[in-house]
Amino acid sequence: MKIRFVLDFGSIKNVGIAAINSIVEERNEKGAYEDFASFCERIKDKGVNRKCVESLIKAGVFDNFGKTRATLLASFETILDVINNSDKKVMENQVSMFDLLMENEGEAPKKQYTYVEKPEFEEKELLSFEKEMIGIYISGHPLEKYRELLEKKTNINTLHMLKINQDMEEYGKSIEFRDNQNVKYAGVITKIKKKFTRNNTIMAFVTIEDLYGTAEIIVFDSVYHKSQNALIEENVVLIEGRLSIREEDVVKIVASGIEEFNSSGACQEGTTGNFKKLCIHITNLPEEKKERLRGAIKFFMGDRANIKLEIVEEEQVKPCGGIYMTQQILEQFEEIVGKDNILLKQA
């Protein structure tokens, strides 16, 4: 089997030109890679680092080798360690009698590798990997299964908005839509950029991708606070709002409501689907630690929110919207409130 080349190797995050050239030259000189372990063996001295291999796995480059991406992500570091340790053993002349006998017979011993077999990730996670690594979806689109439902629930899409821009350039006005018209638009949140206004209120510019392209949604303070639990990257949302059509600017939508869109067609304001939830218990915390916690939450409520946050006090649960979370950030929260007061779970 051959490695599955996704678009151009150079478009994959963390995969440099030097690594690309090494992988391609090795294949051209010695033939196709037989399997994932064969690939790892042959590129071990070619300047292809672990981060590069991980990114190739996430992008789906090795999908034709019969192992799930989940399996390869769980196994690749151990396989690379086995290869590197085997080389060190040879360098240190720690060769067994069996190895010598096999070498004398002209047959090199074949290394054995153990894979941590895991079922494949859900489609949403696979598509998320592709978007992260390549910038586009390769094996599908997260909205495809909602296509018919989306057409029923919305009255505008990115193609309509492109047509408005074309009409404004050609005729100086929109033919089918009008400024301030109420519309419904749905898609996947790909970017959230927040800013403070002169009045010290918060607003956000949210990029939404539908099946045809992307559009910018303007979210003012009142709508932002009402809908912030749904404003998490990769959430599928339904936007209600009005069109903003200006002669010297691309058409935008000013949101009046944002709801999560689920497979049943029902929209629930402020929900976050399958995203994980971080619950922090503060009932027994001194005021000084509560103040530190408030500062940390405010600092990490960034544009790339990827988890839902809840604060629990005196058995009352208060949703606090989305927050950007990594293992390092989680450890900072644990340092502030203590591990016993933090629970990470599925939403």
C-alpha atoms as a PDB file:
ATOM      1  CA  MET A   1       0.000   0.000   0.000  1.00  0.00           C
ATOM      2  CA  LYS A   2       1.078   3.572  -0.562  1.00  0.00           C
ATOM      3  CA  ILE A   3       0.856   6.414   1.892  1.00  0.00           C
ATOM      4  CA  ARG A   4      -2.254   8.433   1.185  1.00  0.00           C
ATOM      5  CA  PHE A   5      -1.063  11.917   0.219  1.00  0.00           C
ATOM      6  CA  VAL A   6      -3.549  14.512   1.448  1.00  0.00           C
ATOM      7  CA  LEU A   7      -3.540  17.520  -0.888  1.00  0.00           C
ATOM      8  CA  ASP A   8       0.036  18.751  -0.580  1.00  0.00           C
ATOM      9  CA  PHE A   9       2.199  17.538   2.320  1.00  0.00           C
ATOM     10  CA  GLY A  10       3.276  21.153   2.762  1.00  0.00           C
ATOM     11  CA  SER A  11      -0.244  22.143   3.779  1.00  0.00           C
ATOM     12  CA  ILE A  12      -0.148  19.940   6.896  1.00  0.00           C
ATOM     13  CA  LYS A  13       0.654  21.693  10.150  1.00  0.00           C
ATOM     14  CA  ASN A  14       4.043  20.818  11.736  1.00  0.00           C
ATOM     15  CA  VAL A  15       5.293  19.108   8.549  1.00  0.00           C
ATOM     16  CA  GLY A  16       8.268  21.029   7.173  1.00  0.00           C
ATOM     17  CA  ILE A  17       9.694  21.071   3.654  1.00  0.00           C
ATOM     18  CA  ALA A  18      12.798  19.134   4.699  1.00  0.00           C
ATOM     19  CA  ALA A  19      10.679  16.333   6.181  1.00  0.00           C
ATOM     20  CA  ILE A  20       8.486  16.240   3.071  1.00  0.00           C
ATOM     21  CA  ASN A  21      11.487  15.912   0.771  1.00  0.00           C
ATOM     22  CA  SER A  22      12.993  13.149   2.915  1.00  0.00           C
ATOM     23  CA  ILE A  23       9.770  11.113   2.958  1.00  0.00           C
ATOM     24  CA  VAL A  24       9.237  11.442  -0.801  1.00  0.00           C
ATOM     25  CA  GLU A  25      12.873  10.732  -1.712  1.00  0.00           C
ATOM     26  CA  GLU A  26      12.922   7.608   0.485  1.00  0.00           C
ATOM     27  CA  ARG A  27       9.767   6.334  -1.195  1.00  0.00           C
ATOM     28  CA  ASN A  28      11.046   7.085  -4.689  1.00  0.00           C
ATOM     29  CA  GLU A  29      14.370   5.357  -4.032  1.00  0.00           C
ATOM     30  CA  LYS A  30      13.206   2.265  -2.158  1.00  0.00           C
ATOM     31  CA  GLY A  31       9.554   1.849  -3.056  1.00  0.00           C
ATOM     32  CA  ALA A  32       6.226   2.310  -1.316  1.00  0.00           C
ATOM     33  CA  TYR A  33       5.953   2.084   2.452  1.00  0.00           C
ATOM     34  CA  GLU A  34       4.420  -1.277   3.357  1.00  0.00           C
ATOM     35  CA  ASP A  35       2.809  -0.257   6.635  1.00  0.00           C
ATOM     36  CA  PHE A  36       3.076   2.311   9.415  1.00  0.00           C
ATOM     37  CA  ALA A  37       5.971   0.555  11.190  1.00  0.00           C
ATOM     38  CA  SER A  38       7.852   0.305   7.891  1.00  0.00           C
ATOM     39  CA  PHE A  39       7.411   4.037   7.436  1.00  0.00           C
ATOM     40  CA  CYS A  40       8.764   4.735  10.928  1.00  0.00           C
ATOM     41  CA  GLU A  41      11.781   2.470  10.351  1.00  0.00           C
ATOM     42  CA  ARG A  42      12.681   4.071   7.060  1.00  0.00           C
ATOM     43  CA  ILE A  43      12.398   7.728   8.139  1.00  0.00           C
ATOM     44  CA  LYS A  44      14.112   7.389  11.532  1.00  0.00           C
ATOM     45  CA  ASP A  45      17.267   9.167  10.360  1.00  0.00           C
ATOM     46  CA  LYS A  46      15.557  11.510   7.901  1.00  0.00           C
ATOM     47  CA  GLY A  47      14.781  14.454  10.183  1.00  0.00           C
ATOM     48  CA  VAL A  48      11.123  13.523  10.604  1.00  0.00           C
ATOM     49  CA  ASN A  49      10.326  14.232  14.257  1.00  0.00           C
ATOM     50  CA  ARG A  50       7.536  12.904  16.481  1.00  0.00           C
ATOM     51  CA  LYS A  51       5.375  16.013  16.130  1.00  0.00           C
ATOM     52  CA  CYS A  52       5.523  15.610  12.375  1.00  0.00           C
ATOM     53  CA  VAL A  53       4.471  11.926  12.579  1.00  0.00           C
ATOM     54  CA  GLU A  54       1.599  12.831  14.918  1.00  0.00           C
ATOM     55  CA  SER A  55       0.375  15.506  12.516  1.00  0.00           C
ATOM     56  CA  LEU A  56       0.523  13.094   9.570  1.00  0.00           C
ATOM     57  CA  ILE A  57      -1.598  10.618  11.542  1.00  0.00           C
ATOM     58  CA  LYS A  58      -4.189  13.265  12.427  1.00  0.00           C
ATOM     59  CA  ALA A  59      -4.364  14.416   8.797  1.00  0.00           C
ATOM     60  CA  GLY A  60      -5.249  10.875   7.688  1.00  0.00           C
ATOM     61  CA  VAL A  61      -2.059  10.214   5.708  1.00  0.00           C
ATOM     62  CA  PHE A  62      -1.841   6.609   6.978  1.00  0.00           C
ATOM     63  CA  ASP A  63      -5.534   5.680   6.698  1.00  0.00           C
ATOM     64  CA  ASN A  64      -4.793   3.069   4.002  1.00  0.00           C
ATOM     65  CA  PHE A  65      -2.582   1.032   6.317  1.00  0.00           C
ATOM     66  CA  GLY A  66      -5.502  -0.673   8.056  1.00  0.00           C
ATOM     67  CA  LYS A  67      -5.072   0.931  11.483  1.00  0.00           C
ATOM     68  CA  THR A  68      -7.399   3.527  12.961  1.00  0.00           C
ATOM     69  CA  ARG A  69      -6.045   6.979  13.647  1.00  0.00           C
ATOM     70  CA  ALA A  70      -6.881   6.370  17.318  1.00  0.00           C
ATOM     71  CA  THR A  71      -4.690   3.243  17.282  1.00  0.00           C
ATOM     72  CA  LEU A  72      -1.770   4.998  15.600  1.00  0.00           C
ATOM     73  CA  LEU A  73      -1.932   7.981  17.965  1.00  0.00           C
ATOM     74  CA  ALA A  74      -1.892   5.601  20.934  1.00  0.00           C
ATOM     75  CA  SER A  75       0.985   3.539  19.503  1.00  0.00           C
ATOM     76  CA  PHE A  76       3.365   5.655  17.439  1.00  0.00           C
ATOM     77  CA  GLU A  77       5.590   6.888  20.265  1.00  0.00           C
ATOM     78  CA  THR A  78       6.163   3.339  21.558  1.00  0.00           C
ATOM     79  CA  ILE A  79       6.972   2.147  18.035  1.00  0.00           C
ATOM     80  CA  LEU A  80       9.457   4.974  17.570  1.00  0.00           C
ATOM     81  CA  ASP A  81      11.020   4.138  20.960  1.00  0.00           C
ATOM     82  CA  VAL A  82      11.431   0.468  19.963  1.00  0.00           C
ATOM     83  CA  ILE A  83      13.165   1.503  16.745  1.00  0.00           C
ATOM     84  CA  ASN A  84      15.467   3.985  18.483  1.00  0.00           C
ATOM     85  CA  ASN A  85      16.314   1.579  21.322  1.00  0.00           C
ATOM     86  CA  SER A  86      17.091  -1.174  18.812  1.00  0.00           C
ATOM     87  CA  ASP A  87      19.547   1.132  17.055  1.00  0.00           C
ATOM     88  CA  LYS A  88      21.206   2.009  20.358  1.00  0.00           C
ATOM     89  CA  LYS A  89      21.564  -1.685  21.149  1.00  0.00           C
ATOM     90  CA  VAL A  90      23.386  -2.279  17.880  1.00  0.00           C
ATOM     91  CA  MET A  91      25.619   0.735  18.474  1.00  0.00           C
ATOM     92  CA  GLU A  92      26.569  -0.661  21.891  1.00  0.00           C
ATOM     93  CA  ASN A  93      27.369  -4.103  20.349  1.00  0.00           C
ATOM     94  CA  GLN A  94      24.606  -5.724  22.403  1.00  0.00           C
ATOM     95  CA  VAL A  95      23.742  -8.226  19.690  1.00  0.00           C
ATOM     96  CA  SER A  96      22.300 -11.613  20.585  1.00  0.00           C
ATOM     97  CA  MET A  97      23.538 -14.997  19.296  1.00  0.00           C
ATOM     98  CA  PHE A  98      20.193 -15.341  17.487  1.00  0.00           C
ATOM     99  CA  ASP A  99      20.800 -12.057  15.670  1.00  0.00           C
ATOM    100  CA  LEU A 100      24.252 -13.222  14.582  1.00  0.00           C
ATOM    101  CA  LEU A 101      22.915 -16.535  13.277  1.00  0.00           C
ATOM    102  CA  MET A 102      20.184 -14.760  11.313  1.00  0.00           C
ATOM    103  CA  GLU A 103      22.737 -12.313   9.924  1.00  0.00           C
ATOM    104  CA  ASN A 104      25.003 -15.166   8.823  1.00  0.00           C
ATOM    105  CA  GLU A 105      22.091 -16.687   6.963  1.00  0.00           C
ATOM    106  CA  GLY A 106      21.579 -13.413   5.156  1.00  0.00           C
ATOM    107  CA  GLU A 107      18.265 -12.622   6.838  1.00  0.00           C
ATOM    108  CA  ALA A 108      17.883  -9.708   9.237  1.00  0.00           C
ATOM    109  CA  PRO A 109      15.513 -10.327  12.142  1.00  0.00           C
ATOM    110  CA  LYS A 110      12.207  -8.549  11.681  1.00  0.00           C
ATOM    111  CA  LYS A 111      11.262  -6.310  14.560  1.00  0.00           C
ATOM    112  CA  GLN A 112       7.958  -6.932  16.268  1.00  0.00           C
ATOM    113  CA  TYR A 113       5.749  -4.007  17.208  1.00  0.00           C
ATOM    114  CA  THR A 114       2.774  -3.893  19.511  1.00  0.00           C
ATOM    115  CA  TYR A 115      -0.134  -1.643  18.617  1.00  0.00           C
ATOM    116  CA  VAL A 116      -2.569  -0.349  21.206  1.00  0.00           C
ATOM    117  CA  GLU A 117      -5.697  -1.227  19.242  1.00  0.00           C
ATOM    118  CA  LYS A 118      -8.454   1.366  19.647  1.00  0.00           C
ATOM    119  CA  PRO A 119     -11.749   1.932  17.831  1.00  0.00           C
ATOM    120  CA  GLU A 120     -11.756   4.877  15.481  1.00  0.00           C
ATOM    121  CA  PHE A 121     -12.628   8.338  16.741  1.00  0.00           C
ATOM    122  CA  GLU A 122     -16.100   9.670  16.065  1.00  0.00           C
ATOM    123  CA  GLU A 123     -16.532  11.491  12.767  1.00  0.00           C
ATOM    124  CA  LYS A 124     -16.639  14.856  14.514  1.00  0.00           C
ATOM    125  CA  GLU A 125     -13.198  14.296  16.048  1.00  0.00           C
ATOM    126  CA  LEU A 126     -11.687  13.051  12.775  1.00  0.00           C
ATOM    127  CA  LEU A 127     -12.966  16.096  10.927  1.00  0.00           C
ATOM    128  CA  SER A 128     -11.679  18.302  13.734  1.00  0.00           C
ATOM    129  CA  PHE A 129      -8.200  16.782  13.317  1.00  0.00           C
ATOM    130  CA  GLU A 130      -8.296  17.453   9.568  1.00  0.00           C
ATOM    131  CA  LYS A 131      -9.397  21.039  10.075  1.00  0.00           C
ATOM    132  CA  GLU A 132      -6.655  21.573  12.665  1.00  0.00           C
ATOM    133  CA  MET A 133      -3.885  19.990  10.588  1.00  0.00           C
ATOM    134  CA  ILE A 134      -4.831  21.003   7.057  1.00  0.00           C
ATOM    135  CA  GLY A 135      -7.212  23.931   7.443  1.00  0.00           C
ATOM    136  CA  ILE A 136     -10.041  22.214   5.543  1.00  0.00           C
ATOM    137  CA  TYR A 137     -12.173  19.115   5.910  1.00  0.00           C
ATOM    138  CA  ILE A 138     -10.981  16.183   3.756  1.00  0.00           C
ATOM    139  CA  SER A 139     -13.088  13.102   4.483  1.00  0.00           C
ATOM    140  CA  GLY A 140     -16.411  14.907   4.877  1.00  0.00           C
ATOM    141  CA  HIS A 141     -18.076  17.959   6.373  1.00  0.00           C
ATOM    142  CA  PRO A 142     -19.661  18.143   9.859  1.00  0.00           C
ATOM    143  CA  LEU A 143     -22.751  19.761   8.359  1.00  0.00           C
ATOM    144  CA  GLU A 144     -23.384  17.234   5.588  1.00  0.00           C
ATOM    145  CA  LYS A 145     -25.694  15.063   7.708  1.00  0.00           C
ATOM    146  CA  TYR A 146     -27.751  18.169   8.541  1.00  0.00           C
ATOM    147  CA  ARG A 147     -28.074  19.397   4.943  1.00  0.00           C
ATOM    148  CA  GLU A 148     -31.839  18.942   4.508  1.00  0.00           C
ATOM    149  CA  LEU A 149     -32.579  20.136   8.021  1.00  0.00           C
ATOM    150  CA  LEU A 150     -30.435  23.228   7.565  1.00  0.00           C
ATOM    151  CA  GLU A 151     -32.265  24.146   4.389  1.00  0.00           C
ATOM    152  CA  LYS A 152     -35.551  24.013   6.291  1.00  0.00           C
ATOM    153  CA  LYS A 153     -34.309  25.978   9.301  1.00  0.00           C
ATOM    154  CA  THR A 154     -32.457  28.765   7.449  1.00  0.00           C
ATOM    155  CA  ASN A 155     -33.288  31.319   4.786  1.00  0.00           C
ATOM    156  CA  ILE A 156     -29.766  32.421   3.859  1.00  0.00           C
ATOM    157  CA  ASN A 157     -26.396  30.761   3.274  1.00  0.00           C
ATOM    158  CA  THR A 158     -22.917  31.803   2.187  1.00  0.00           C
ATOM    159  CA  LEU A 159     -23.792  31.519  -1.523  1.00  0.00           C
ATOM    160  CA  HIS A 160     -26.611  34.038  -1.014  1.00  0.00           C
ATOM    161  CA  MET A 161     -24.218  36.362   0.784  1.00  0.00           C
ATOM    162  CA  LEU A 162     -21.664  36.112  -2.029  1.00  0.00           C
ATOM    163  CA  LYS A 163     -24.437  36.998  -4.484  1.00  0.00           C
ATOM    164  CA  ILE A 164     -25.301  40.060  -2.385  1.00  0.00           C
ATOM    165  CA  ASN A 165     -21.672  41.217  -2.569  1.00  0.00           C
ATOM    166  CA  GLN A 166     -21.658  40.708  -6.349  1.00  0.00           C
ATOM    167  CA  ASP A 167     -24.932  42.639  -6.735  1.00  0.00           C
ATOM    168  CA  MET A 168     -23.560  45.515  -4.656  1.00  0.00           C
ATOM    169  CA  GLU A 169     -20.495  45.740  -6.891  1.00  0.00           C
ATOM    170  CA  GLU A 170     -22.476  45.496 -10.124  1.00  0.00           C
ATOM    171  CA  TYR A 171     -25.726  47.339  -9.355  1.00  0.00           C
ATOM    172  CA  GLY A 172     -25.001  49.253  -6.166  1.00  0.00           C
ATOM    173  CA  LYS A 173     -27.794  47.392  -4.417  1.00  0.00           C
ATOM    174  CA  SER A 174     -28.867  43.900  -3.422  1.00  0.00           C
ATOM    175  CA  ILE A 175     -31.443  42.301  -5.718  1.00  0.00           C
ATOM    176  CA  GLU A 176     -32.818  39.498  -3.533  1.00  0.00           C
ATOM    177  CA  PHE A 177     -32.112  40.711   0.024  1.00  0.00           C
ATOM    178  CA  ARG A 178     -32.327  44.079   1.765  1.00  0.00           C
ATOM    179  CA  ASP A 179     -30.392  45.816   4.516  1.00  0.00           C
ATOM    180  CA  ASN A 180     -31.694  45.021   8.043  1.00  0.00           C
ATOM    181  CA  GLN A 181     -33.678  42.039   6.759  1.00  0.00           C
ATOM    182  CA  ASN A 182     -34.207  39.338   9.381  1.00  0.00           C
ATOM    183  CA  VAL A 183     -32.397  36.121   8.456  1.00  0.00           C
ATOM    184  CA  LYS A 184     -31.479  32.690   9.840  1.00  0.00           C
ATOM    185  CA  TYR A 185     -28.020  31.301   9.111  1.00  0.00           C
ATOM    186  CA  ALA A 186     -26.354  28.111  10.407  1.00  0.00           C
ATOM    187  CA  GLY A 187     -22.891  26.625  10.408  1.00  0.00           C
ATOM    188  CA  VAL A 188     -19.831  25.561  12.374  1.00  0.00           C
ATOM    189  CA  ILE A 189     -17.992  28.101  14.517  1.00  0.00           C
ATOM    190  CA  THR A 190     -14.410  28.273  13.239  1.00  0.00           C
ATOM    191  CA  LYS A 191     -13.152  31.431  14.953  1.00  0.00           C
ATOM    192  CA  ILE A 192     -14.200  33.781  17.752  1.00  0.00           C
ATOM    193  CA  LYS A 193     -12.538  37.161  18.135  1.00  0.00           C
ATOM    194  CA  LYS A 194     -13.617  39.162  21.178  1.00  0.00           C
ATOM    195  CA  LYS A 195     -12.983  42.824  21.921  1.00  0.00           C
ATOM    196  CA  PHE A 196     -14.047  45.492  24.392  1.00  0.00           C
ATOM    197  CA  THR A 197     -15.958  48.525  23.152  1.00  0.00           C
ATOM    198  CA  ARG A 198     -15.409  52.135  24.213  1.00  0.00           C
ATOM    199  CA  ASN A 199     -18.188  51.624  26.754  1.00  0.00           C
ATOM    200  CA  ASN A 200     -16.227  48.690  28.229  1.00  0.00           C
ATOM    201  CA  THR A 201     -18.791  46.163  27.002  1.00  0.00           C
ATOM    202  CA  ILE A 202     -17.770  43.014  25.189  1.00  0.00           C
ATOM    203  CA  MET A 203     -18.545  42.139  21.586  1.00  0.00           C
ATOM    204  CA  ALA A 204     -17.375  39.362  19.290  1.00  0.00           C
ATOM    205  CA  PHE A 205     -16.734  38.750  15.622  1.00  0.00           C
ATOM    206  CA  VAL A 206     -17.628  35.110  15.005  1.00  0.00           C
ATOM    207  CA  THR A 207     -16.638  33.291  11.820  1.00  0.00           C
ATOM    208  CA  ILE A 208     -19.196  30.648  10.828  1.00  0.00           C
ATOM    209  CA  GLU A 209     -18.626  28.061   8.101  1.00  0.00           C
ATOM    210  CA  ASP A 210     -21.551  26.465   6.287  1.00  0.00           C
ATOM    211  CA  LEU A 211     -21.457  23.977   3.416  1.00  0.00           C
ATOM    212  CA  TYR A 212     -20.482  26.687   0.930  1.00  0.00           C
ATOM    213  CA  GLY A 213     -18.041  28.999   2.683  1.00  0.00           C
ATOM    214  CA  THR A 214     -17.678  31.326   5.665  1.00  0.00           C
ATOM    215  CA  ALA A 215     -19.475  34.412   6.930  1.00  0.00           C
ATOM    216  CA  GLU A 216     -18.789  36.889   9.708  1.00  0.00           C
ATOM    217  CA  ILE A 217     -21.344  37.302  12.483  1.00  0.00           C
ATOM    218  CA  ILE A 218     -21.296  40.397  14.706  1.00  0.00           C
ATOM    219  CA  VAL A 219     -22.319  39.634  18.285  1.00  0.00           C
ATOM    220  CA  PHE A 220     -22.948  42.571  20.617  1.00  0.00           C
ATOM    221  CA  ASP A 221     -22.764  42.506  24.411  1.00  0.00           C
ATOM    222  CA  SER A 222     -26.324  41.483  25.328  1.00  0.00           C
ATOM    223  CA  VAL A 223     -26.418  38.626  22.813  1.00  0.00           C
ATOM    224  CA  TYR A 224     -22.895  37.526  23.696  1.00  0.00           C
ATOM    225  CA  HIS A 225     -23.659  37.109  27.414  1.00  0.00           C
ATOM    226  CA  LYS A 226     -26.955  35.400  26.688  1.00  0.00           C
ATOM    227  CA  SER A 227     -25.407  32.927  24.238  1.00  0.00           C
ATOM    228  CA  GLN A 228     -21.788  32.522  25.388  1.00  0.00           C
ATOM    229  CA  ASN A 229     -22.249  28.869  26.400  1.00  0.00           C
ATOM    230  CA  ALA A 230     -22.889  28.059  22.740  1.00  0.00           C
ATOM    231  CA  LEU A 231     -20.002  30.202  21.497  1.00  0.00           C
ATOM    232  CA  ILE A 232     -17.346  27.496  21.396  1.00  0.00           C
ATOM    233  CA  GLU A 233     -15.254  26.632  18.371  1.00  0.00           C
ATOM    234  CA  GLU A 234     -16.575  23.653  16.353  1.00  0.00           C
ATOM    235  CA  ASN A 235     -20.075  24.026  17.762  1.00  0.00           C
ATOM    236  CA  VAL A 236     -22.825  23.877  15.126  1.00  0.00           C
ATOM    237  CA  VAL A 237     -25.093  26.847  15.732  1.00  0.00           C
ATOM    238  CA  LEU A 238     -28.175  28.562  14.344  1.00  0.00           C
ATOM    239  CA  ILE A 239     -27.909  32.343  14.082  1.00  0.00           C
ATOM    240  CA  GLU A 240     -30.902  34.658  14.041  1.00  0.00           C
ATOM    241  CA  GLY A 241     -30.160  38.244  13.134  1.00  0.00           C
ATOM    242  CA  ARG A 242     -30.343  41.005  10.585  1.00  0.00           C
ATOM    243  CA  LEU A 243     -28.315  41.638   7.465  1.00  0.00           C
ATOM    244  CA  SER A 244     -25.820  44.459   7.359  1.00  0.00           C
ATOM    245  CA  ILE A 245     -25.408  45.458   3.719  1.00  0.00           C
ATOM    246  CA  ARG A 246     -23.000  48.331   3.049  1.00  0.00           C
ATOM    247  CA  GLU A 247     -21.596  49.569  -0.269  1.00  0.00           C
ATOM    248  CA  GLU A 248     -17.925  49.415   0.709  1.00  0.00           C
ATOM    249  CA  ASP A 249     -18.012  46.344   2.955  1.00  0.00           C
ATOM    250  CA  VAL A 250     -18.832  42.664   2.609  1.00  0.00           C
ATOM    251  CA  VAL A 251     -22.250  41.644   3.882  1.00  0.00           C
ATOM    252  CA  LYS A 252     -22.417  40.566   7.534  1.00  0.00           C
ATOM    253  CA  ILE A 253     -25.056  39.357   9.959  1.00  0.00           C
ATOM    254  CA  VAL A 254     -25.686  41.147  13.251  1.00  0.00           C
ATOM    255  CA  ALA A 255     -26.856  38.430  15.632  1.00  0.00           C
ATOM    256  CA  SER A 256     -29.970  38.753  17.784  1.00  0.00           C
ATOM    257  CA  GLY A 257     -29.809  35.142  19.007  1.00  0.00           C
ATOM    258  CA  ILE A 258     -27.430  32.182  18.868  1.00  0.00           C
ATOM    259  CA  GLU A 259     -28.468  28.605  19.597  1.00  0.00           C
ATOM    260  CA  GLU A 260     -26.765  25.261  19.272  1.00  0.00           C
ATOM    261  CA  PHE A 261     -28.055  23.156  16.398  1.00  0.00           C
ATOM    262  CA  ASN A 262     -28.363  19.421  17.050  1.00  0.00           C
ATOM    263  CA  SER A 263     -29.238  16.402  14.906  1.00  0.00           C
ATOM    264  CA  SER A 264     -32.901  16.380  15.956  1.00  0.00           C
ATOM    265  CA  GLY A 265     -33.361  19.857  14.553  1.00  0.00           C
ATOM    266  CA  ALA A 266     -34.088  21.323  17.966  1.00  0.00           C
ATOM    267  CA  CYS A 267     -32.003  24.270  19.048  1.00  0.00           C
ATOM    268  CA  GLN A 268     -31.037  24.734  22.658  1.00  0.00           C
ATOM    269  CA  GLU A 269     -29.600  28.026  23.781  1.00  0.00           C
ATOM    270  CA  GLY A 270     -26.361  27.783  25.699  1.00  0.00           C
ATOM    271  CA  THR A 271     -25.738  24.041  25.298  1.00  0.00           C
ATOM    272  CA  THR A 272     -22.445  22.618  24.105  1.00  0.00           C
ATOM    273  CA  GLY A 273     -23.173  19.163  22.716  1.00  0.00           C
ATOM    274  CA  ASN A 274     -20.428  16.593  23.297  1.00  0.00           C
ATOM    275  CA  PHE A 275     -17.842  19.044  24.525  1.00  0.00           C
ATOM    276  CA  LYS A 276     -16.255  18.377  27.908  1.00  0.00           C
ATOM    277  CA  LYS A 277     -17.256  20.302  30.996  1.00  0.00           C
ATOM    278  CA  LEU A 278     -15.043  21.640  33.782  1.00  0.00           C
ATOM    279  CA  CYS A 279     -16.787  21.880  37.151  1.00  0.00           C
ATOM    280  CA  ILE A 280     -15.065  23.899  39.887  1.00  0.00           C
ATOM    281  CA  HIS A 281     -16.353  23.733  43.469  1.00  0.00           C
ATOM    282  CA  ILE A 282     -15.688  26.920  45.435  1.00  0.00           C
ATOM    283  CA  THR A 283     -17.917  26.468  48.501  1.00  0.00           C
ATOM    284  CA  ASN A 284     -15.057  26.098  50.974  1.00  0.00           C
ATOM    285  CA  LEU A 285     -12.557  28.388  49.284  1.00  0.00           C
ATOM    286  CA  PRO A 286     -11.319  31.540  51.055  1.00  0.00           C
ATOM    287  CA  GLU A 287     -12.059  34.840  49.345  1.00  0.00           C
ATOM    288  CA  GLU A 288      -8.409  35.278  48.337  1.00  0.00           C
ATOM    289  CA  LYS A 289      -8.494  32.066  46.265  1.00  0.00           C
ATOM    290  CA  LYS A 290     -11.875  32.966  44.788  1.00  0.00           C
ATOM    291  CA  GLU A 291     -10.378  36.236  43.611  1.00  0.00           C
ATOM    292  CA  ARG A 292      -7.414  34.418  42.039  1.00  0.00           C
ATOM    293  CA  LEU A 293      -9.841  32.022  40.365  1.00  0.00           C
ATOM    294  CA  ARG A 294     -11.900  34.879  38.930  1.00  0.00           C
ATOM    295  CA  GLY A 295      -8.741  36.381  37.475  1.00  0.00           C
ATOM    296  CA  ALA A 296      -7.666  33.057  35.930  1.00  0.00           C
ATOM    297  CA  ILE A 297     -11.098  32.468  34.392  1.00  0.00           C
ATOM    298  CA  LYS A 298     -11.137  35.943  32.891  1.00  0.00           C
ATOM    299  CA  PHE A 299      -7.617  35.469  31.504  1.00  0.00           C
ATOM    300  CA  PHE A 300      -8.307  32.095  29.876  1.00  0.00           C
ATOM    301  CA  MET A 301     -11.735  32.950  28.458  1.00  0.00           C
ATOM    302  CA  GLY A 302      -9.975  33.406  25.134  1.00  0.00           C
ATOM    303  CA  ASP A 303     -10.998  33.344  21.526  1.00  0.00           C
ATOM    304  CA  ARG A 304     -10.335  29.581  21.266  1.00  0.00           C
ATOM    305  CA  ALA A 305     -12.750  28.388  23.974  1.00  0.00           C
ATOM    306  CA  ASN A 306     -12.933  24.587  23.815  1.00  0.00           C
ATOM    307  CA  ILE A 307     -14.636  23.554  27.046  1.00  0.00           C
ATOM    308  CA  LYS A 308     -17.686  24.462  29.095  1.00  0.00           C
ATOM    309  CA  LEU A 309     -17.113  25.899  32.571  1.00  0.00           C
ATOM    310  CA  GLU A 310     -19.393  25.616  35.600  1.00  0.00           C
ATOM    311  CA  ILE A 311     -18.884  27.018  39.088  1.00  0.00           C
ATOM    312  CA  VAL A 312     -20.522  25.140  41.961  1.00  0.00           C
ATOM    313  CA  GLU A 313     -21.165  26.925  45.271  1.00  0.00           C
ATOM    314  CA  GLU A 314     -23.483  25.797  48.072  1.00  0.00           C
ATOM    315  CA  GLU A 315     -24.985  23.189  45.706  1.00  0.00           C
ATOM    316  CA  GLN A 316     -25.873  25.914  43.196  1.00  0.00           C
ATOM    317  CA  VAL A 317     -24.474  25.434  39.691  1.00  0.00           C
ATOM    318  CA  LYS A 318     -23.631  28.548  37.706  1.00  0.00           C
ATOM    319  CA  PRO A 319     -22.731  28.154  33.992  1.00  0.00           C
ATOM    320  CA  CYS A 320     -19.828  30.464  33.090  1.00  0.00           C
ATOM    321  CA  GLY A 321     -19.591  29.999  29.345  1.00  0.00           C
ATOM    322  CA  GLY A 322     -16.674  28.656  27.334  1.00  0.00           C
ATOM    323  CA  ILE A 323     -13.016  28.642  28.344  1.00  0.00           C
ATOM    324  CA  TYR A 324      -9.806  27.619  26.598  1.00  0.00           C
ATOM    325  CA  MET A 325      -8.292  24.611  28.387  1.00  0.00           C
ATOM    326  CA  THR A 326      -5.077  22.637  28.057  1.00  0.00           C
ATOM    327  CA  GLN A 327      -3.358  20.290  30.509  1.00  0.00           C
ATOM    328  CA  GLN A 328      -1.056  23.114  31.607  1.00  0.00           C
ATOM    329  CA  ILE A 329      -3.972  25.487  32.169  1.00  0.00           C
ATOM    330  CA  LEU A 330      -5.862  22.782  34.055  1.00  0.00           C
ATOM    331  CA  GLU A 331      -2.873  22.381  36.367  1.00  0.00           C
ATOM    332  CA  GLN A 332      -2.943  26.107  37.083  1.00  0.00           C
ATOM    333  CA  PHE A 333      -6.592  25.880  38.114  1.00  0.00           C
ATOM    334  CA  GLU A 334      -5.773  22.861  40.286  1.00  0.00           C
ATOM    335  CA  GLU A 335      -3.005  24.855  41.950  1.00  0.00           C
ATOM    336  CA  ILE A 336      -5.477  27.640  42.791  1.00  0.00           C
ATOM    337  CA  VAL A 337      -8.443  25.607  44.081  1.00  0.00           C
ATOM    338  CA  GLY A 338      -6.978  22.137  44.718  1.00  0.00           C
ATOM    339  CA  LYS A 339      -7.473  18.942  42.702  1.00  0.00           C
ATOM    340  CA  ASP A 340     -10.334  17.807  44.945  1.00  0.00           C
ATOM    341  CA  ASN A 341     -12.403  20.829  43.904  1.00  0.00           C
ATOM    342  CA  ILE A 342     -12.108  20.210  40.150  1.00  0.00           C
ATOM    343  CA  LEU A 343     -14.046  17.700  38.066  1.00  0.00           C
ATOM    344  CA  LEU A 344     -13.537  17.240  34.323  1.00  0.00           C
ATOM    345  CA  LYS A 345     -16.291  15.293  32.569  1.00  0.00           C
ATOM    346  CA  GLN A 346     -18.394  14.964  29.426  1.00  0.00           C
ATOM    347  CA  ALA A 347     -20.994  17.674  29.001  1.00  0.00           C
END
